[in-house]
Amino acid sequence: MGTKAEIGRKQLLLFTLANLFSLVLGKGSVYTSSPEVQVPENNPVKLYCTYSGFSSPRVEWKFGHGDTTSLVCYNNQITASYADRVTFSTSGITFSSVTREDTGTYTCMVTEDNGNNYGEVHIQLTVLVPPSKPTVNIPSSATIGTRVVLTCSEQDGSPPSEYSWFRDGVPMPEDPKNTRAFINSSYTLNHKTGELIFSPLTTADTGEYLCQAQNGFGKSMSSDSIHMEAVELNVGGIVAAVFVTLILLGVLIFGIWFAYSRGYFERAKKKTSSGKKVIYSQPAARSEGEFKQTSSFLV
């Protein structure tokens, strides 16, 4: 076993030989010391990109996030949209200040002027933003035995927040059967989407609910507390509503029958017929010389 100094010299020698070999073969290498970078919003940051094996390198930087793609640097020059806050050097690009919109994947691409040599490296930048106060959708009352969905979300956290639920100030466990306070409940928790789904709702689920968002940066944020009451299905009310509907329907049918039996529909029909106008057109007068027989009589 050699000393640490000897091992370091050997590694440096191998690295130098690898660079010389890439120059001979015309194959360059591109690498970064920090493939994943996290920085708080409004702070400066540098994305490192170093390369070897290029005699006349041309460097480009590309940004991508979802469906959005933009060019940060082209042919060793920062593009106009980034020129006011990004500078270029042979070792990378430096942001004077980052915003949450800068979160995404940056690709450093290096080529020779003749296009025969190419290499690239990807760097994931995450701009850290604490979560904002989450908004919740919690019904004030829900029927026992039904499926009930409670939702929680916030839009500012970077990286995206994860969510926890509380009932009456007590954290709700992922599996309710493992905790005595929630053993009579039946629900599922999704920490990524913030959904709390009761299937089915029970009497034990009545209580004060709030949601908490956290993403590991800054302090966690809590929603307003909202009371949800688990209520029985009002069978009596449903029966009464059906009964009233049937009565009204019966009154309507009786009214139609009574009007028909009294002849109201026939009278209305006759009134309509008598109201029609008859138009009589008198034939044109004829002279005696123009008289023609228009009918015959059989005696």
Protein backbone atom coordinates (compact mmCIF):
# COMPACT_ATOMS: atom_id res chain seq x y z
CA MET A 1 0.00 0.00 0.00
CA GLY A 2 1.38 3.41 -0.97
CA THR A 3 0.98 6.65 0.88
CA LYS A 4 -1.86 9.07 0.13
CA ALA A 5 0.61 11.38 -1.63
CA GLU A 6 1.77 8.56 -3.92
CA ILE A 7 -1.81 7.57 -4.71
CA GLY A 8 -2.63 11.21 -5.51
CA ARG A 9 0.38 11.49 -7.86
CA LYS A 10 -0.66 8.30 -9.66
CA GLN A 11 -4.23 9.58 -10.11
CA LEU A 12 -2.92 12.89 -11.47
CA LEU A 13 -0.61 11.05 -13.86
CA LEU A 14 -3.44 8.82 -15.13
CA PHE A 15 -5.66 11.86 -15.61
CA THR A 16 -2.95 13.67 -17.58
CA LEU A 17 -2.30 10.61 -19.76
CA ALA A 18 -6.04 10.27 -20.41
CA ASN A 19 -6.17 13.89 -21.54
CA LEU A 20 -3.17 13.43 -23.84
CA PHE A 21 -4.74 10.27 -25.26
CA SER A 22 -8.00 12.08 -25.98
CA LEU A 23 -6.08 14.79 -27.80
CA VAL A 24 -4.34 12.22 -29.97
CA LEU A 25 -7.56 10.40 -30.83
CA GLY A 26 -9.55 13.60 -31.21
CA LYS A 27 -12.04 12.55 -28.50
CA GLY A 28 -12.83 15.12 -25.83
CA SER A 29 -14.40 14.67 -22.41
CA VAL A 30 -16.81 16.99 -20.60
CA TYR A 31 -17.54 16.70 -16.88
CA THR A 32 -18.75 18.63 -13.85
CA SER A 33 -17.82 18.58 -10.21
CA SER A 34 -21.43 19.26 -9.13
CA PRO A 35 -24.13 17.45 -11.13
CA GLU A 36 -26.79 18.49 -8.59
CA VAL A 37 -26.87 22.03 -7.22
CA GLN A 38 -29.24 23.57 -4.67
CA VAL A 39 -29.28 27.26 -3.83
CA PRO A 40 -31.76 29.56 -2.03
CA GLU A 41 -33.75 31.96 -4.20
CA ASN A 42 -32.15 35.37 -4.95
CA ASN A 43 -28.63 34.02 -4.26
CA PRO A 44 -25.71 33.71 -6.70
CA VAL A 45 -24.58 30.30 -7.97
CA LYS A 46 -22.03 28.84 -10.39
CA LEU A 47 -22.61 25.79 -12.56
CA TYR A 48 -19.30 24.10 -13.32
CA CYS A 49 -18.41 22.57 -16.66
CA THR A 50 -14.85 21.57 -17.49
CA TYR A 51 -13.57 19.81 -20.57
CA SER A 52 -10.44 18.38 -22.13
CA GLY A 53 -9.39 16.96 -25.47
CA PHE A 54 -10.68 19.91 -27.52
CA SER A 55 -8.21 21.95 -29.55
CA SER A 56 -10.69 24.72 -30.42
CA PRO A 57 -13.74 24.29 -28.17
CA ARG A 58 -17.09 25.93 -28.77
CA VAL A 59 -19.27 25.92 -25.65
CA GLU A 60 -23.06 26.11 -25.48
CA TRP A 61 -25.40 25.97 -22.49
CA LYS A 62 -29.04 24.87 -22.77
CA PHE A 63 -31.79 25.10 -20.12
CA GLY A 64 -34.74 22.75 -19.94
CA HIS A 65 -37.72 22.47 -17.60
CA GLY A 66 -40.81 20.50 -18.63
CA ASP A 67 -41.76 21.66 -22.12
CA THR A 68 -39.60 24.80 -21.86
CA THR A 69 -36.18 24.91 -23.55
CA SER A 70 -33.96 27.96 -23.95
CA LEU A 71 -30.38 28.72 -24.95
CA VAL A 72 -28.31 30.34 -22.20
CA CYS A 73 -24.95 30.45 -23.98
CA TYR A 74 -24.08 30.10 -27.67
CA ASN A 75 -20.56 29.90 -29.09
CA ASN A 76 -19.00 31.01 -25.77
CA GLN A 77 -21.35 34.02 -25.52
CA ILE A 78 -24.28 34.51 -23.13
CA THR A 79 -27.55 35.06 -24.99
CA ALA A 80 -29.45 38.35 -24.68
CA SER A 81 -32.19 37.00 -22.39
CA TYR A 82 -29.60 36.01 -19.75
CA ALA A 83 -26.94 38.67 -20.35
CA ASP A 84 -28.01 40.88 -17.43
CA ARG A 85 -27.44 38.20 -14.75
CA VAL A 86 -25.25 35.41 -16.16
CA THR A 87 -21.54 35.46 -17.02
CA PHE A 88 -19.52 32.89 -18.97
CA SER A 89 -16.08 31.45 -18.25
CA THR A 90 -14.18 28.41 -19.47
CA SER A 91 -15.06 26.63 -16.20
CA GLY A 92 -18.83 27.28 -16.27
CA ILE A 93 -21.55 29.90 -16.03
CA THR A 94 -22.34 32.10 -13.01
CA PHE A 95 -25.74 33.52 -12.03
CA SER A 96 -25.61 36.76 -10.05
CA SER A 97 -29.07 35.92 -8.66
CA VAL A 98 -31.46 33.03 -9.26
CA THR A 99 -35.26 32.86 -9.16
CA ARG A 100 -37.58 29.87 -8.82
CA GLU A 101 -38.06 29.91 -12.60
CA ASP A 102 -34.38 28.96 -12.98
CA THR A 103 -35.03 25.51 -11.50
CA GLY A 104 -34.37 22.87 -14.15
CA THR A 105 -31.72 20.93 -16.07
CA TYR A 106 -28.74 22.73 -17.61
CA THR A 107 -26.75 21.01 -20.35
CA CYS A 108 -23.16 22.05 -21.08
CA MET A 109 -22.27 21.09 -24.67
CA VAL A 110 -18.73 21.36 -26.06
CA THR A 111 -17.80 20.85 -29.73
CA GLU A 112 -14.90 21.49 -32.06
CA ASP A 113 -15.33 24.12 -34.72
CA ASN A 114 -15.23 21.39 -37.37
CA GLY A 115 -17.95 19.42 -35.57
CA ASN A 116 -15.92 16.20 -35.32
CA ASN A 117 -15.60 16.27 -31.54
CA TYR A 118 -18.49 16.52 -29.09
CA GLY A 119 -19.25 16.05 -25.41
CA GLU A 120 -21.91 17.15 -22.93
CA VAL A 121 -22.83 17.03 -19.25
CA HIS A 122 -26.08 17.67 -17.38
CA ILE A 123 -26.51 19.69 -14.18
CA GLN A 124 -29.72 19.76 -12.15
CA LEU A 125 -30.30 23.13 -10.48
CA THR A 126 -32.91 23.41 -7.74
CA VAL A 127 -33.70 26.89 -6.48
CA LEU A 128 -34.88 26.52 -2.89
CA VAL A 129 -38.14 28.26 -1.99
CA PRO A 130 -40.01 27.63 1.28
CA PRO A 131 -43.66 26.54 1.05
CA SER A 132 -46.50 29.02 1.28
CA LYS A 133 -49.67 28.59 3.33
CA PRO A 134 -51.56 25.64 1.84
CA THR A 135 -55.18 25.79 0.80
CA VAL A 136 -57.54 22.97 1.71
CA ASN A 137 -60.90 21.64 0.55
CA ILE A 138 -62.71 20.14 3.56
CA PRO A 139 -66.51 19.71 3.68
CA SER A 140 -68.26 20.99 6.80
CA SER A 141 -70.32 17.79 6.87
CA ALA A 142 -70.24 14.45 5.07
CA THR A 143 -72.42 11.36 5.10
CA ILE A 144 -71.27 8.29 7.02
CA GLY A 145 -70.56 5.32 4.77
CA THR A 146 -69.60 7.38 1.71
CA ARG A 147 -66.23 8.08 0.10
CA VAL A 148 -64.96 11.55 1.09
CA VAL A 149 -61.86 13.28 -0.34
CA LEU A 150 -60.00 16.11 1.43
CA THR A 151 -57.37 18.00 -0.58
CA CYS A 152 -54.39 20.18 0.35
CA SER A 153 -51.97 22.06 -1.92
CA GLU A 154 -49.57 25.00 -2.20
CA GLN A 155 -47.83 26.37 -5.29
CA ASP A 156 -44.61 28.09 -4.15
CA GLY A 157 -42.44 25.41 -2.56
CA SER A 158 -39.28 24.32 -4.40
CA PRO A 159 -38.61 21.46 -4.32
CA PRO A 160 -42.32 20.50 -4.30
CA SER A 161 -43.83 20.19 -0.85
CA GLU A 162 -44.99 17.05 0.88
CA TYR A 163 -48.14 17.11 3.00
CA SER A 164 -49.20 15.86 6.42
CA TRP A 165 -52.68 15.86 7.97
CA PHE A 166 -53.78 16.51 11.57
CA ARG A 167 -57.07 15.72 13.28
CA ASP A 168 -57.80 17.57 16.52
CA GLY A 169 -54.12 18.55 16.65
CA VAL A 170 -52.87 14.95 16.41
CA PRO A 171 -50.73 13.86 13.38
CA MET A 172 -52.58 11.30 11.26
CA PRO A 173 -50.46 8.17 10.66
CA GLU A 174 -50.17 6.59 7.23
CA ASP A 175 -51.83 3.42 8.52
CA PRO A 176 -54.70 4.25 10.92
CA LYS A 177 -54.87 0.68 12.24
CA ASN A 178 -51.46 1.06 13.90
CA THR A 179 -52.57 3.95 16.15
CA ARG A 180 -55.19 3.68 18.85
CA ALA A 181 -56.59 7.18 18.22
CA PHE A 182 -57.36 6.34 14.58
CA ILE A 183 -58.05 2.60 14.74
CA ASN A 184 -61.76 3.11 13.94
CA SER A 185 -61.00 5.18 10.83
CA SER A 186 -60.46 3.93 7.30
CA TYR A 187 -58.46 6.29 5.10
CA THR A 188 -55.46 6.60 2.78
CA LEU A 189 -52.88 9.41 2.76
CA ASN A 190 -50.92 10.65 -0.24
CA HIS A 191 -48.03 12.79 0.99
CA LYS A 192 -47.11 13.84 -2.57
CA THR A 193 -50.53 15.06 -3.76
CA GLY A 194 -51.93 16.08 -0.36
CA GLU A 195 -55.09 13.97 -0.69
CA LEU A 196 -56.76 12.41 2.36
CA ILE A 197 -59.40 9.87 1.29
CA PHE A 198 -61.92 8.31 3.66
CA SER A 199 -63.42 5.10 2.29
CA PRO A 200 -65.83 4.82 3.93
CA LEU A 201 -66.38 7.70 6.35
CA THR A 202 -67.19 6.66 9.94
CA THR A 203 -68.54 8.42 13.02
CA ALA A 204 -64.99 8.49 14.42
CA ASP A 205 -63.90 10.81 11.60
CA THR A 206 -65.67 13.88 13.02
CA GLY A 207 -63.11 16.50 14.08
CA GLU A 208 -60.95 19.54 13.33
CA TYR A 209 -58.72 18.99 10.29
CA LEU A 210 -55.70 20.91 9.09
CA CYS A 211 -52.90 20.23 6.61
CA GLN A 212 -49.19 21.01 6.85
CA ALA A 213 -46.77 21.53 3.93
CA GLN A 214 -42.98 21.11 4.15
CA ASN A 215 -40.16 20.70 1.60
CA GLY A 216 -37.05 20.63 3.79
CA PHE A 217 -36.28 24.32 3.24
CA GLY A 218 -37.59 27.02 5.52
CA LYS A 219 -40.32 26.34 8.04
CA SER A 220 -43.38 24.19 7.42
CA MET A 221 -46.68 25.97 6.79
CA SER A 222 -50.12 25.01 8.11
CA SER A 223 -53.55 25.56 6.61
CA ASP A 224 -56.61 26.87 8.43
CA SER A 225 -58.32 24.37 10.73
CA ILE A 226 -61.78 23.31 9.52
CA HIS A 227 -64.35 21.19 11.37
CA MET A 228 -65.88 18.24 9.51
CA GLU A 229 -68.97 16.52 10.91
CA ALA A 230 -69.69 12.90 9.99
CA VAL A 231 -73.51 12.64 9.84
CA GLU A 232 -75.97 9.78 9.40
CA LEU A 233 -77.97 9.47 6.22
CA ASN A 234 -81.32 11.31 6.78
CA VAL A 235 -83.68 8.49 5.78
CA GLY A 236 -86.70 10.24 7.29
CA GLY A 237 -86.07 13.35 5.23
CA ILE A 238 -85.75 11.34 2.03
CA VAL A 239 -89.01 9.46 2.74
CA ALA A 240 -90.81 12.75 3.47
CA ALA A 241 -89.52 14.30 0.24
CA VAL A 242 -90.70 11.29 -1.79
CA PHE A 243 -94.10 11.39 -0.06
CA VAL A 244 -94.59 15.09 -0.82
CA THR A 245 -93.58 14.54 -4.45
CA LEU A 246 -96.12 11.73 -4.82
CA ILE A 247 -98.87 13.93 -3.33
CA LEU A 248 -98.12 16.75 -5.75
CA LEU A 249 -98.08 14.32 -8.66
CA GLY A 250 -101.43 12.90 -7.54
CA VAL A 251 -102.99 16.39 -7.32
CA LEU A 252 -101.77 17.17 -10.84
CA ILE A 253 -103.22 13.95 -12.28
CA PHE A 254 -106.56 14.53 -10.48
CA GLY A 255 -106.73 18.07 -11.84
CA ILE A 256 -106.22 16.88 -15.40
CA TRP A 257 -108.87 14.13 -14.99
CA PHE A 258 -111.39 16.55 -13.43
CA ALA A 259 -110.98 19.08 -16.24
CA TYR A 260 -111.40 16.37 -18.86
CA SER A 261 -114.52 14.89 -17.20
CA ARG A 262 -116.16 18.34 -17.04
CA GLY A 263 -115.59 18.89 -20.70
CA TYR A 264 -113.26 21.82 -20.35
CA PHE A 265 -110.99 20.48 -23.07
CA GLU A 266 -113.94 20.04 -25.54
CA ARG A 267 -115.21 23.59 -24.92
CA ALA A 268 -111.80 25.00 -25.50
CA LYS A 269 -111.61 23.03 -28.76
CA LYS A 270 -114.97 24.38 -29.94
CA LYS A 271 -114.00 27.94 -29.09
CA THR A 272 -110.94 27.53 -31.19
CA SER A 273 -113.01 26.18 -34.13
CA SER A 274 -115.70 28.92 -33.91
CA GLY A 275 -113.10 31.57 -33.92
CA LYS A 276 -111.97 30.66 -37.44
CA LYS A 277 -112.81 33.22 -40.21
CA VAL A 278 -114.51 32.13 -43.47
CA ILE A 279 -113.53 34.13 -46.49
CA TYR A 280 -116.12 34.25 -49.33
CA SER A 281 -115.05 35.26 -52.77
CA GLN A 282 -117.87 36.42 -55.09
CA PRO A 283 -117.42 35.39 -58.71
CA ALA A 284 -116.75 38.12 -61.23
CA ALA A 285 -119.76 39.63 -63.11
CA ARG A 286 -120.32 38.43 -66.64
CA SER A 287 -122.12 40.11 -69.57
CA GLU A 288 -125.12 38.46 -71.25
CA GLY A 289 -123.12 37.66 -74.31
CA GLU A 290 -120.47 35.86 -72.28
CA PHE A 291 -122.95 33.53 -70.57
CA LYS A 292 -121.98 29.90 -70.70
CA GLN A 293 -123.78 26.94 -69.24
CA THR A 294 -121.94 25.80 -66.23
CA SER A 295 -124.35 23.08 -65.13
CA SER A 296 -126.95 20.76 -66.59
CA PHE A 297 -130.27 19.66 -65.22
CA LEU A 298 -131.84 16.27 -65.69
CA VAL A 299 -135.70 16.28 -65.69
